[in-house]
Amino acid sequence: MKPSLVSRIRNIWIMSHWMRNEAVAAAAMLVVRRNEVKLRRAEDEKELEKNAGQLGVDAAGNLRVIRVLDDYVVPFECGL
């Protein structure tokens, strides 16, 4: 026996509703992921700022904020 037109439309409607729900769930996961990445970046930037606050003395004897790289000492203003 052939399914009726109403039955076919109902199946299509159910499938489209399911697909819409899946799209909403995927979009929500993307938004949550984006927010987590932003928070992680902010934490990383705070960590960098905390580590970059070392003090050094320049040629004139003044205290300067510096960053220590592998073999070089760079003034903080030039490093970022």
N, C-alpha and C. Protein backbone atom coordinates (compact mmCIF):
# COMPACT_ATOMS: atom_id res chain seq x y z
N MET A 1 0.84 -1.18 0.00
CA MET A 1 0.00 0.00 0.00
C MET A 1 0.88 1.24 0.00
N LYS A 2 0.53 2.19 -0.83
CA LYS A 2 1.27 3.44 -0.95
C LYS A 2 0.93 4.39 0.19
N PRO A 3 1.99 5.07 0.77
CA PRO A 3 1.66 6.04 1.81
C PRO A 3 0.93 7.25 1.21
N SER A 4 0.07 7.82 2.00
CA SER A 4 -0.70 8.96 1.51
C SER A 4 0.16 10.21 1.44
N LEU A 5 -0.35 11.20 0.75
CA LEU A 5 0.35 12.48 0.60
C LEU A 5 0.53 13.15 1.97
N VAL A 6 -0.45 13.06 2.82
CA VAL A 6 -0.37 13.66 4.16
C VAL A 6 0.75 12.99 4.97
N SER A 7 0.88 11.69 4.84
CA SER A 7 1.92 10.97 5.55
C SER A 7 3.31 11.39 5.06
N ARG A 8 3.44 11.57 3.76
CA ARG A 8 4.73 12.02 3.21
C ARG A 8 5.06 13.44 3.68
N ILE A 9 4.08 14.31 3.65
CA ILE A 9 4.30 15.69 4.11
C ILE A 9 4.66 15.70 5.59
N ARG A 10 3.99 14.86 6.36
CA ARG A 10 4.30 14.77 7.80
C ARG A 10 5.74 14.32 8.01
N ASN A 11 6.18 13.33 7.26
CA ASN A 11 7.56 12.86 7.39
C ASN A 11 8.56 13.96 7.02
N ILE A 12 8.27 14.68 5.96
CA ILE A 12 9.14 15.79 5.55
C ILE A 12 9.16 16.87 6.63
N TRP A 13 8.01 17.17 7.20
CA TRP A 13 7.93 18.20 8.24
C TRP A 13 8.73 17.77 9.47
N ILE A 14 8.61 16.50 9.86
CA ILE A 14 9.36 16.00 11.02
C ILE A 14 10.85 16.07 10.74
N MET A 15 11.28 15.67 9.55
CA MET A 15 12.69 15.69 9.21
C MET A 15 13.21 17.13 9.18
N SER A 16 12.45 18.06 8.63
CA SER A 16 12.91 19.46 8.59
C SER A 16 13.00 20.03 10.01
N HIS A 17 12.09 19.65 10.88
CA HIS A 17 12.14 20.11 12.27
C HIS A 17 13.38 19.56 12.96
N TRP A 18 13.69 18.28 12.73
CA TRP A 18 14.88 17.66 13.31
C TRP A 18 16.14 18.36 12.82
N MET A 19 16.19 18.64 11.51
CA MET A 19 17.36 19.32 10.95
C MET A 19 17.51 20.73 11.51
N ARG A 20 16.41 21.42 11.72
CA ARG A 20 16.45 22.76 12.30
C ARG A 20 17.00 22.70 13.72
N ASN A 21 16.57 21.72 14.49
CA ASN A 21 17.08 21.56 15.86
C ASN A 21 18.58 21.26 15.85
N GLU A 22 19.02 20.42 14.92
CA GLU A 22 20.45 20.12 14.82
C GLU A 22 21.25 21.38 14.47
N ALA A 23 20.73 22.21 13.58
CA ALA A 23 21.42 23.45 13.20
C ALA A 23 21.52 24.40 14.38
N VAL A 24 20.46 24.50 15.17
CA VAL A 24 20.47 25.37 16.35
C VAL A 24 21.49 24.86 17.37
N ALA A 25 21.55 23.56 17.57
CA ALA A 25 22.50 22.99 18.52
C ALA A 25 23.94 23.23 18.04
N ALA A 26 24.18 23.07 16.75
CA ALA A 26 25.53 23.30 16.21
C ALA A 26 25.93 24.77 16.37
N ALA A 27 25.01 25.68 16.11
CA ALA A 27 25.30 27.11 16.25
C ALA A 27 25.58 27.46 17.71
N ALA A 28 24.85 26.87 18.61
CA ALA A 28 25.08 27.13 20.04
C ALA A 28 26.45 26.62 20.46
N MET A 29 26.85 25.46 19.94
CA MET A 29 28.17 24.93 20.28
C MET A 29 29.27 25.84 19.74
N LEU A 30 29.07 26.41 18.55
CA LEU A 30 30.05 27.33 17.99
C LEU A 30 30.19 28.58 18.85
N VAL A 31 29.07 29.10 19.33
CA VAL A 31 29.10 30.30 20.17
C VAL A 31 29.82 30.01 21.48
N VAL A 32 29.52 28.88 22.08
CA VAL A 32 30.18 28.51 23.34
C VAL A 32 31.67 28.34 23.12
N ARG A 33 32.04 27.69 22.02
CA ARG A 33 33.46 27.50 21.71
C ARG A 33 34.17 28.83 21.51
N ARG A 34 33.52 29.76 20.79
CA ARG A 34 34.11 31.09 20.55
C ARG A 34 34.32 31.82 21.87
N ASN A 35 33.35 31.74 22.77
CA ASN A 35 33.50 32.39 24.08
C ASN A 35 34.62 31.78 24.88
N GLU A 36 34.77 30.45 24.82
CA GLU A 36 35.87 29.79 25.53
C GLU A 36 37.22 30.24 24.99
N VAL A 37 37.33 30.39 23.67
CA VAL A 37 38.58 30.84 23.06
C VAL A 37 38.89 32.27 23.49
N LYS A 38 37.87 33.13 23.52
CA LYS A 38 38.09 34.51 23.96
C LYS A 38 38.56 34.57 25.40
N LEU A 39 37.94 33.77 26.26
CA LEU A 39 38.35 33.74 27.67
C LEU A 39 39.78 33.22 27.81
N ARG A 40 40.13 32.19 27.05
CA ARG A 40 41.48 31.64 27.11
C ARG A 40 42.50 32.66 26.62
N ARG A 41 42.16 33.40 25.56
CA ARG A 41 43.07 34.45 25.06
C ARG A 41 43.27 35.54 26.11
N ALA A 42 42.18 35.93 26.76
CA ALA A 42 42.29 36.96 27.79
C ALA A 42 43.18 36.49 28.94
N GLU A 43 43.02 35.22 29.33
CA GLU A 43 43.87 34.68 30.40
C GLU A 43 45.33 34.63 29.95
N ASP A 44 45.56 34.25 28.70
CA ASP A 44 46.94 34.20 28.19
C ASP A 44 47.56 35.59 28.15
N GLU A 45 46.77 36.60 27.75
CA GLU A 45 47.28 37.97 27.71
C GLU A 45 47.62 38.46 29.12
N LYS A 46 46.77 38.12 30.09
CA LYS A 46 47.05 38.51 31.47
C LYS A 46 48.33 37.85 31.97
N GLU A 47 48.51 36.58 31.60
CA GLU A 47 49.73 35.87 31.98
C GLU A 47 50.96 36.52 31.36
N LEU A 48 50.86 36.91 30.08
CA LEU A 48 51.97 37.59 29.42
C LEU A 48 52.29 38.92 30.08
N GLU A 49 51.23 39.68 30.41
CA GLU A 49 51.45 40.97 31.06
C GLU A 49 52.11 40.79 32.42
N LYS A 50 51.71 39.73 33.12
CA LYS A 50 52.28 39.49 34.44
C LYS A 50 53.76 39.11 34.31
N ASN A 51 54.08 38.31 33.31
CA ASN A 51 55.47 37.89 33.12
C ASN A 51 56.34 38.98 32.52
N ALA A 52 55.72 39.91 31.79
CA ALA A 52 56.50 40.94 31.10
C ALA A 52 56.89 42.08 32.04
N GLY A 53 56.43 42.09 33.25
CA GLY A 53 56.68 43.19 34.15
C GLY A 53 57.98 43.11 34.91
N GLN A 54 59.07 42.63 34.31
CA GLN A 54 60.35 42.57 34.99
C GLN A 54 61.03 43.93 34.90
N LEU A 55 61.83 44.25 35.92
CA LEU A 55 62.51 45.53 35.96
C LEU A 55 63.98 45.35 35.60
N GLY A 56 64.51 46.34 34.87
CA GLY A 56 65.92 46.35 34.54
C GLY A 56 66.43 47.77 34.65
N VAL A 57 67.72 47.94 34.48
CA VAL A 57 68.34 49.26 34.58
C VAL A 57 68.95 49.59 33.23
N ASP A 58 68.65 50.80 32.70
CA ASP A 58 69.23 51.21 31.42
C ASP A 58 70.61 51.84 31.64
N ALA A 59 71.22 52.33 30.56
CA ALA A 59 72.58 52.88 30.62
C ALA A 59 72.67 54.10 31.53
N ALA A 60 71.57 54.83 31.66
CA ALA A 60 71.57 56.03 32.50
C ALA A 60 71.30 55.70 33.97
N GLY A 61 71.04 54.43 34.28
CA GLY A 61 70.78 54.04 35.66
C GLY A 61 69.33 54.13 36.06
N ASN A 62 68.43 54.39 35.10
CA ASN A 62 67.01 54.47 35.40
C ASN A 62 66.38 53.09 35.33
N LEU A 63 65.38 52.85 36.21
CA LEU A 63 64.65 51.59 36.16
C LEU A 63 63.72 51.59 34.96
N ARG A 64 63.71 50.46 34.23
CA ARG A 64 62.85 50.31 33.06
C ARG A 64 62.15 48.96 33.13
N VAL A 65 60.94 48.90 32.60
CA VAL A 65 60.25 47.61 32.48
C VAL A 65 60.82 46.93 31.24
N ILE A 66 61.26 45.68 31.39
CA ILE A 66 61.91 44.97 30.28
C ILE A 66 61.30 43.59 30.11
N ARG A 67 61.58 43.00 28.95
CA ARG A 67 61.29 41.59 28.70
C ARG A 67 62.60 40.92 28.40
N VAL A 68 62.82 39.76 28.98
CA VAL A 68 64.05 39.03 28.74
C VAL A 68 63.76 37.97 27.69
N LEU A 69 64.39 38.11 26.53
CA LEU A 69 64.28 37.10 25.49
C LEU A 69 65.45 36.14 25.65
N ASP A 70 65.63 35.22 24.74
CA ASP A 70 66.67 34.19 24.90
C ASP A 70 68.04 34.80 25.21
N ASP A 71 68.53 35.65 24.32
CA ASP A 71 69.87 36.21 24.51
C ASP A 71 69.86 37.73 24.61
N TYR A 72 68.68 38.34 24.56
CA TYR A 72 68.61 39.79 24.49
C TYR A 72 67.73 40.33 25.61
N VAL A 73 68.01 41.54 26.02
CA VAL A 73 67.14 42.27 26.93
C VAL A 73 66.53 43.39 26.11
N VAL A 74 65.22 43.42 25.99
CA VAL A 74 64.52 44.38 25.14
C VAL A 74 63.66 45.26 26.02
N PRO A 75 63.69 46.61 25.80
CA PRO A 75 62.76 47.46 26.55
C PRO A 75 61.31 47.04 26.28
N PHE A 76 60.49 47.13 27.29
CA PHE A 76 59.11 46.67 27.18
C PHE A 76 58.36 47.38 26.06
N GLU A 77 58.63 48.67 25.85
CA GLU A 77 57.93 49.43 24.82
C GLU A 77 58.21 48.88 23.42
N CYS A 78 59.38 48.29 23.21
CA CYS A 78 59.75 47.77 21.90
C CYS A 78 59.29 46.34 21.68
N GLY A 79 58.98 45.63 22.74
CA GLY A 79 58.70 44.21 22.61
C GLY A 79 57.33 43.85 22.10
N LEU A 80 56.32 44.63 22.42
CA LEU A 80 54.96 44.25 22.03
C LEU A 80 54.60 44.97 20.78
